[in-house]
């Protein structure tokens, strides 16, 4: 009987600890994946600007065909930093809120 009670208590502790998110790991993973997606997006725009604008216009339900995007090293770096840091902060806030609610 004591063993069964101890086992249930351990299961409860394990389940509760699994529900918590590791905020730094989630933030870093989100920043890395977002950075990779951003680089792919920039390459798509650089290699095929008209096709990229047509695709994104379709996704956003907007006419982007008249928009031209000039990519410089500066705009690339600023965009990369904005999206990686921004999504890392966003993921950290989500993790903190989630951990606070569990």
N, C-alpha and C. Protein backbone atom coordinates (compact mmCIF):
# COMPACT_ATOMS: atom_id res chain seq x y z
N UNK A 1 0.82 -1.19 0.00
CA UNK A 1 0.00 0.00 0.00
C UNK A 1 0.87 1.26 0.00
N UNK A 2 1.90 1.29 0.83
CA UNK A 2 2.80 2.43 0.88
C UNK A 2 3.51 2.61 -0.46
N UNK A 3 3.92 1.52 -1.05
CA UNK A 3 4.61 1.57 -2.33
C UNK A 3 3.70 2.13 -3.42
N UNK A 4 2.45 1.73 -3.41
CA UNK A 4 1.50 2.20 -4.41
C UNK A 4 1.25 3.71 -4.26
N UNK A 5 1.14 4.18 -3.03
CA UNK A 5 0.94 5.60 -2.77
C UNK A 5 2.17 6.40 -3.21
N UNK A 6 3.35 5.88 -2.90
CA UNK A 6 4.61 6.53 -3.29
C UNK A 6 4.71 6.59 -4.82
N UNK A 7 4.29 5.51 -5.49
CA UNK A 7 4.34 5.46 -6.94
C UNK A 7 3.41 6.51 -7.55
N UNK A 8 2.22 6.67 -7.02
CA UNK A 8 1.28 7.68 -7.52
C UNK A 8 1.83 9.09 -7.32
N UNK A 9 2.46 9.33 -6.19
CA UNK A 9 3.04 10.64 -5.92
C UNK A 9 4.16 10.95 -6.91
N UNK A 10 5.00 9.96 -7.21
CA UNK A 10 6.09 10.15 -8.18
C UNK A 10 5.53 10.41 -9.57
N UNK A 11 4.47 9.70 -9.95
CA UNK A 11 3.86 9.91 -11.26
C UNK A 11 3.31 11.33 -11.36
N UNK A 12 2.70 11.82 -10.29
CA UNK A 12 2.17 13.18 -10.29
C UNK A 12 3.29 14.20 -10.47
N UNK A 13 4.40 14.01 -9.78
CA UNK A 13 5.54 14.93 -9.88
C UNK A 13 6.13 14.90 -11.29
N UNK A 14 6.25 13.74 -11.90
CA UNK A 14 6.79 13.63 -13.24
C UNK A 14 5.86 14.31 -14.23
N UNK A 15 4.57 14.05 -14.14
CA UNK A 15 3.62 14.68 -15.05
C UNK A 15 3.65 16.19 -14.91
N UNK A 16 3.73 16.69 -13.69
CA UNK A 16 3.73 18.13 -13.47
C UNK A 16 4.99 18.77 -14.03
N UNK A 17 6.15 18.14 -13.89
CA UNK A 17 7.39 18.72 -14.40
C UNK A 17 7.45 18.66 -15.92
N UNK A 18 6.79 17.71 -16.54
CA UNK A 18 6.79 17.62 -18.00
C UNK A 18 6.00 18.77 -18.60
N UNK A 19 5.01 19.27 -17.90
CA UNK A 19 4.16 20.33 -18.42
C UNK A 19 4.85 21.68 -18.50
N UNK A 20 5.97 21.85 -17.83
CA UNK A 20 6.68 23.13 -17.85
C UNK A 20 7.54 23.23 -19.11
N UNK A 21 7.59 24.42 -19.68
CA UNK A 21 8.43 24.66 -20.85
C UNK A 21 9.75 25.27 -20.39
N UNK A 22 10.83 24.87 -21.03
CA UNK A 22 12.13 25.45 -20.76
C UNK A 22 12.22 26.73 -21.58
N UNK A 23 12.05 27.86 -20.94
CA UNK A 23 11.95 29.15 -21.63
C UNK A 23 13.18 29.47 -22.48
N UNK A 24 14.40 29.36 -21.96
CA UNK A 24 15.57 29.67 -22.81
C UNK A 24 15.69 28.75 -24.02
N UNK A 25 15.42 27.46 -23.84
CA UNK A 25 15.52 26.52 -24.96
C UNK A 25 14.47 26.81 -26.03
N UNK A 26 13.24 27.08 -25.60
CA UNK A 26 12.19 27.40 -26.56
C UNK A 26 12.51 28.69 -27.31
N UNK A 27 13.01 29.69 -26.61
CA UNK A 27 13.37 30.97 -27.24
C UNK A 27 14.48 30.78 -28.27
N UNK A 28 15.51 30.04 -27.90
CA UNK A 28 16.63 29.81 -28.81
C UNK A 28 16.21 29.00 -30.02
N UNK A 29 15.44 27.95 -29.81
CA UNK A 29 14.96 27.12 -30.92
C UNK A 29 14.09 27.95 -31.87
N UNK A 30 13.24 28.78 -31.32
CA UNK A 30 12.38 29.64 -32.14
C UNK A 30 13.21 30.63 -32.94
N UNK A 31 14.21 31.23 -32.31
CA UNK A 31 15.08 32.18 -33.01
C UNK A 31 15.84 31.50 -34.15
N UNK A 32 16.36 30.31 -33.91
CA UNK A 32 17.12 29.59 -34.94
C UNK A 32 16.24 29.24 -36.13
N UNK A 33 15.08 28.67 -35.87
CA UNK A 33 14.18 28.28 -36.97
C UNK A 33 13.70 29.52 -37.71
N UNK A 34 13.36 30.58 -37.01
CA UNK A 34 12.91 31.81 -37.65
C UNK A 34 14.03 32.40 -38.50
N UNK A 35 15.25 32.37 -38.01
CA UNK A 35 16.39 32.87 -38.78
C UNK A 35 16.57 32.09 -40.07
N UNK A 36 16.45 30.78 -40.00
CA UNK A 36 16.58 29.94 -41.21
C UNK A 36 15.45 30.24 -42.21
N UNK A 37 14.24 30.36 -41.72
CA UNK A 37 13.11 30.68 -42.60
C UNK A 37 13.30 32.07 -43.22
N UNK A 38 13.80 33.02 -42.45
CA UNK A 38 14.06 34.36 -42.96
C UNK A 38 15.10 34.32 -44.08
N UNK A 39 16.16 33.57 -43.89
CA UNK A 39 17.21 33.45 -44.91
C UNK A 39 16.64 32.83 -46.19
N UNK A 40 15.83 31.79 -46.06
CA UNK A 40 15.20 31.17 -47.22
C UNK A 40 14.30 32.18 -47.93
N UNK A 41 13.55 32.94 -47.17
CA UNK A 41 12.65 33.96 -47.73
C UNK A 41 13.45 35.01 -48.50
N UNK A 42 14.52 35.51 -47.90
CA UNK A 42 15.35 36.54 -48.55
C UNK A 42 15.97 35.98 -49.84
N UNK A 43 16.43 34.72 -49.79
CA UNK A 43 16.99 34.11 -51.00
C UNK A 43 15.94 34.01 -52.10
N UNK A 44 14.73 33.65 -51.73
CA UNK A 44 13.63 33.56 -52.68
C UNK A 44 13.37 34.93 -53.33
N UNK A 45 13.35 35.97 -52.51
CA UNK A 45 13.13 37.32 -53.02
C UNK A 45 14.29 37.76 -53.92
N UNK A 46 15.53 37.43 -53.53
CA UNK A 46 16.70 37.84 -54.31
C UNK A 46 16.78 37.10 -55.64
N UNK A 47 16.45 35.82 -55.65
CA UNK A 47 16.58 35.01 -56.86
C UNK A 47 15.39 35.21 -57.80
N UNK A 48 14.20 35.28 -57.27
CA UNK A 48 13.00 35.38 -58.10
C UNK A 48 12.04 36.41 -57.50
N UNK A 49 12.36 37.69 -57.63
CA UNK A 49 11.55 38.71 -56.97
C UNK A 49 10.09 38.73 -57.41
N UNK A 50 9.83 38.58 -58.70
CA UNK A 50 8.44 38.62 -59.18
C UNK A 50 7.65 37.42 -58.67
N UNK A 51 8.25 36.25 -58.74
CA UNK A 51 7.58 35.05 -58.24
C UNK A 51 7.36 35.14 -56.73
N UNK A 52 8.34 35.71 -56.01
CA UNK A 52 8.20 35.86 -54.56
C UNK A 52 7.04 36.80 -54.23
N UNK A 53 6.98 37.92 -54.91
CA UNK A 53 5.90 38.88 -54.66
C UNK A 53 4.54 38.28 -55.04
N UNK A 54 4.51 37.51 -56.13
CA UNK A 54 3.25 36.86 -56.52
C UNK A 54 2.83 35.85 -55.45
N UNK A 55 3.78 35.06 -54.96
CA UNK A 55 3.49 34.07 -53.93
C UNK A 55 3.00 34.73 -52.65
N UNK A 56 3.75 35.73 -52.17
CA UNK A 56 3.37 36.39 -50.93
C UNK A 56 2.08 37.18 -51.08
N UNK A 57 1.85 37.72 -52.27
CA UNK A 57 0.58 38.39 -52.54
C UNK A 57 -0.58 37.42 -52.45
N UNK A 58 -0.38 36.22 -52.97
CA UNK A 58 -1.41 35.19 -52.89
C UNK A 58 -1.68 34.80 -51.44
N UNK A 59 -0.61 34.63 -50.67
CA UNK A 59 -0.74 34.23 -49.26
C UNK A 59 -1.44 35.32 -48.45
N UNK A 60 -1.11 36.58 -48.73
CA UNK A 60 -1.66 37.71 -47.96
C UNK A 60 -2.95 38.28 -48.56
N UNK A 61 -3.39 37.74 -49.70
CA UNK A 61 -4.59 38.23 -50.38
C UNK A 61 -4.45 39.69 -50.77
N UNK A 62 -3.25 40.05 -51.27
CA UNK A 62 -2.97 41.43 -51.66
C UNK A 62 -2.25 41.42 -53.01
N UNK A 63 -2.33 42.53 -53.70
CA UNK A 63 -1.59 42.69 -54.94
C UNK A 63 -0.23 43.31 -54.62
N UNK A 64 0.81 42.50 -54.64
CA UNK A 64 2.16 42.98 -54.35
C UNK A 64 3.01 43.06 -55.62
N UNK A 65 2.39 42.91 -56.77
CA UNK A 65 3.14 42.83 -58.02
C UNK A 65 3.90 44.12 -58.34
N UNK A 66 3.45 45.26 -57.87
CA UNK A 66 4.13 46.53 -58.15
C UNK A 66 5.17 46.90 -57.09
N UNK A 67 5.32 46.07 -56.10
CA UNK A 67 6.28 46.35 -55.03
C UNK A 67 7.63 45.72 -55.40
N UNK A 68 8.65 46.53 -55.36
CA UNK A 68 10.00 46.00 -55.57
C UNK A 68 10.75 46.07 -54.25
N UNK A 69 11.50 45.06 -53.99
CA UNK A 69 12.24 44.98 -52.72
C UNK A 69 13.71 44.93 -53.04
N UNK A 70 14.43 45.94 -52.62
CA UNK A 70 15.88 45.97 -52.79
C UNK A 70 16.51 45.42 -51.51
N UNK A 71 17.30 44.39 -51.67
CA UNK A 71 17.93 43.76 -50.51
C UNK A 71 19.39 44.20 -50.45
N UNK A 72 19.75 44.78 -49.31
CA UNK A 72 21.15 45.16 -49.06
C UNK A 72 21.63 44.33 -47.88
N UNK A 73 22.93 44.34 -47.67
CA UNK A 73 23.46 43.62 -46.50
C UNK A 73 22.89 44.22 -45.22
N UNK A 74 22.74 45.53 -45.20
CA UNK A 74 22.17 46.19 -44.01
C UNK A 74 20.74 45.78 -43.74
N UNK A 75 19.92 45.78 -44.81
CA UNK A 75 18.52 45.39 -44.61
C UNK A 75 18.41 43.91 -44.24
N UNK A 76 19.31 43.10 -44.79
CA UNK A 76 19.32 41.67 -44.45
C UNK A 76 19.63 41.48 -42.97
N UNK A 77 20.67 42.15 -42.49
CA UNK A 77 21.10 41.98 -41.08
C UNK A 77 20.03 42.53 -40.13
N UNK A 78 19.49 43.71 -40.43
CA UNK A 78 18.46 44.30 -39.56
C UNK A 78 17.24 43.39 -39.53
N UNK A 79 16.81 42.91 -40.69
CA UNK A 79 15.65 42.01 -40.74
C UNK A 79 15.90 40.72 -39.98
N UNK A 80 17.09 40.16 -40.17
CA UNK A 80 17.43 38.91 -39.47
C UNK A 80 17.43 39.11 -37.96
N UNK A 81 18.03 40.20 -37.50
CA UNK A 81 18.04 40.48 -36.06
C UNK A 81 16.63 40.74 -35.54
N UNK A 82 15.86 41.52 -36.26
CA UNK A 82 14.50 41.82 -35.83
C UNK A 82 13.68 40.55 -35.69
N UNK A 83 13.69 39.70 -36.71
CA UNK A 83 12.85 38.51 -36.69
C UNK A 83 13.35 37.47 -35.68
N UNK A 84 14.66 37.29 -35.55
CA UNK A 84 15.14 36.27 -34.60
C UNK A 84 14.96 36.73 -33.16
N UNK A 85 15.35 37.96 -32.86
CA UNK A 85 15.20 38.46 -31.49
C UNK A 85 13.72 38.64 -31.15
N UNK A 86 12.97 39.16 -32.09
CA UNK A 86 11.53 39.37 -31.85
C UNK A 86 10.80 38.08 -31.55
N UNK A 87 11.05 37.05 -32.36
CA UNK A 87 10.36 35.78 -32.11
C UNK A 87 10.89 35.07 -30.87
N UNK A 88 12.15 35.29 -30.53
CA UNK A 88 12.69 34.70 -29.30
C UNK A 88 11.99 35.32 -28.09
N UNK A 89 11.80 36.63 -28.11
CA UNK A 89 11.10 37.30 -27.01
C UNK A 89 9.64 36.83 -26.96
N UNK A 90 9.03 36.72 -28.12
CA UNK A 90 7.65 36.25 -28.21
C UNK A 90 7.52 34.84 -27.63
N UNK A 91 8.44 33.94 -27.99
CA UNK A 91 8.41 32.57 -27.48
C UNK A 91 8.64 32.55 -25.97
N UNK A 92 9.54 33.40 -25.48
CA UNK A 92 9.80 33.47 -24.04
C UNK A 92 8.55 33.93 -23.28
N UNK A 93 7.86 34.90 -23.84
CA UNK A 93 6.62 35.37 -23.19
C UNK A 93 5.56 34.28 -23.18
N UNK A 94 5.44 33.55 -24.28
CA UNK A 94 4.49 32.44 -24.33
C UNK A 94 4.85 31.38 -23.29
N UNK A 95 6.13 31.02 -23.21
CA UNK A 95 6.57 30.00 -22.25
C UNK A 95 6.31 30.45 -20.82
N UNK A 96 6.60 31.71 -20.52
CA UNK A 96 6.37 32.22 -19.16
C UNK A 96 4.88 32.20 -18.82
N UNK A 97 4.05 32.62 -19.76
CA UNK A 97 2.62 32.60 -19.53
C UNK A 97 2.13 31.17 -19.36
N UNK A 98 2.56 30.28 -20.23
CA UNK A 98 2.15 28.88 -20.17
C UNK A 98 2.59 28.27 -18.83
N UNK A 99 3.85 28.49 -18.45
CA UNK A 99 4.35 27.93 -17.18
C UNK A 99 3.61 28.52 -15.99
N UNK A 100 3.21 29.78 -16.10
CA UNK A 100 2.45 30.41 -15.02
C UNK A 100 1.03 29.86 -14.91
N UNK A 101 0.49 29.39 -16.03
CA UNK A 101 -0.87 28.86 -16.02
C UNK A 101 -0.94 27.39 -15.63
N UNK A 102 0.20 26.67 -15.70
CA UNK A 102 0.20 25.25 -15.35
C UNK A 102 0.54 25.04 -13.91
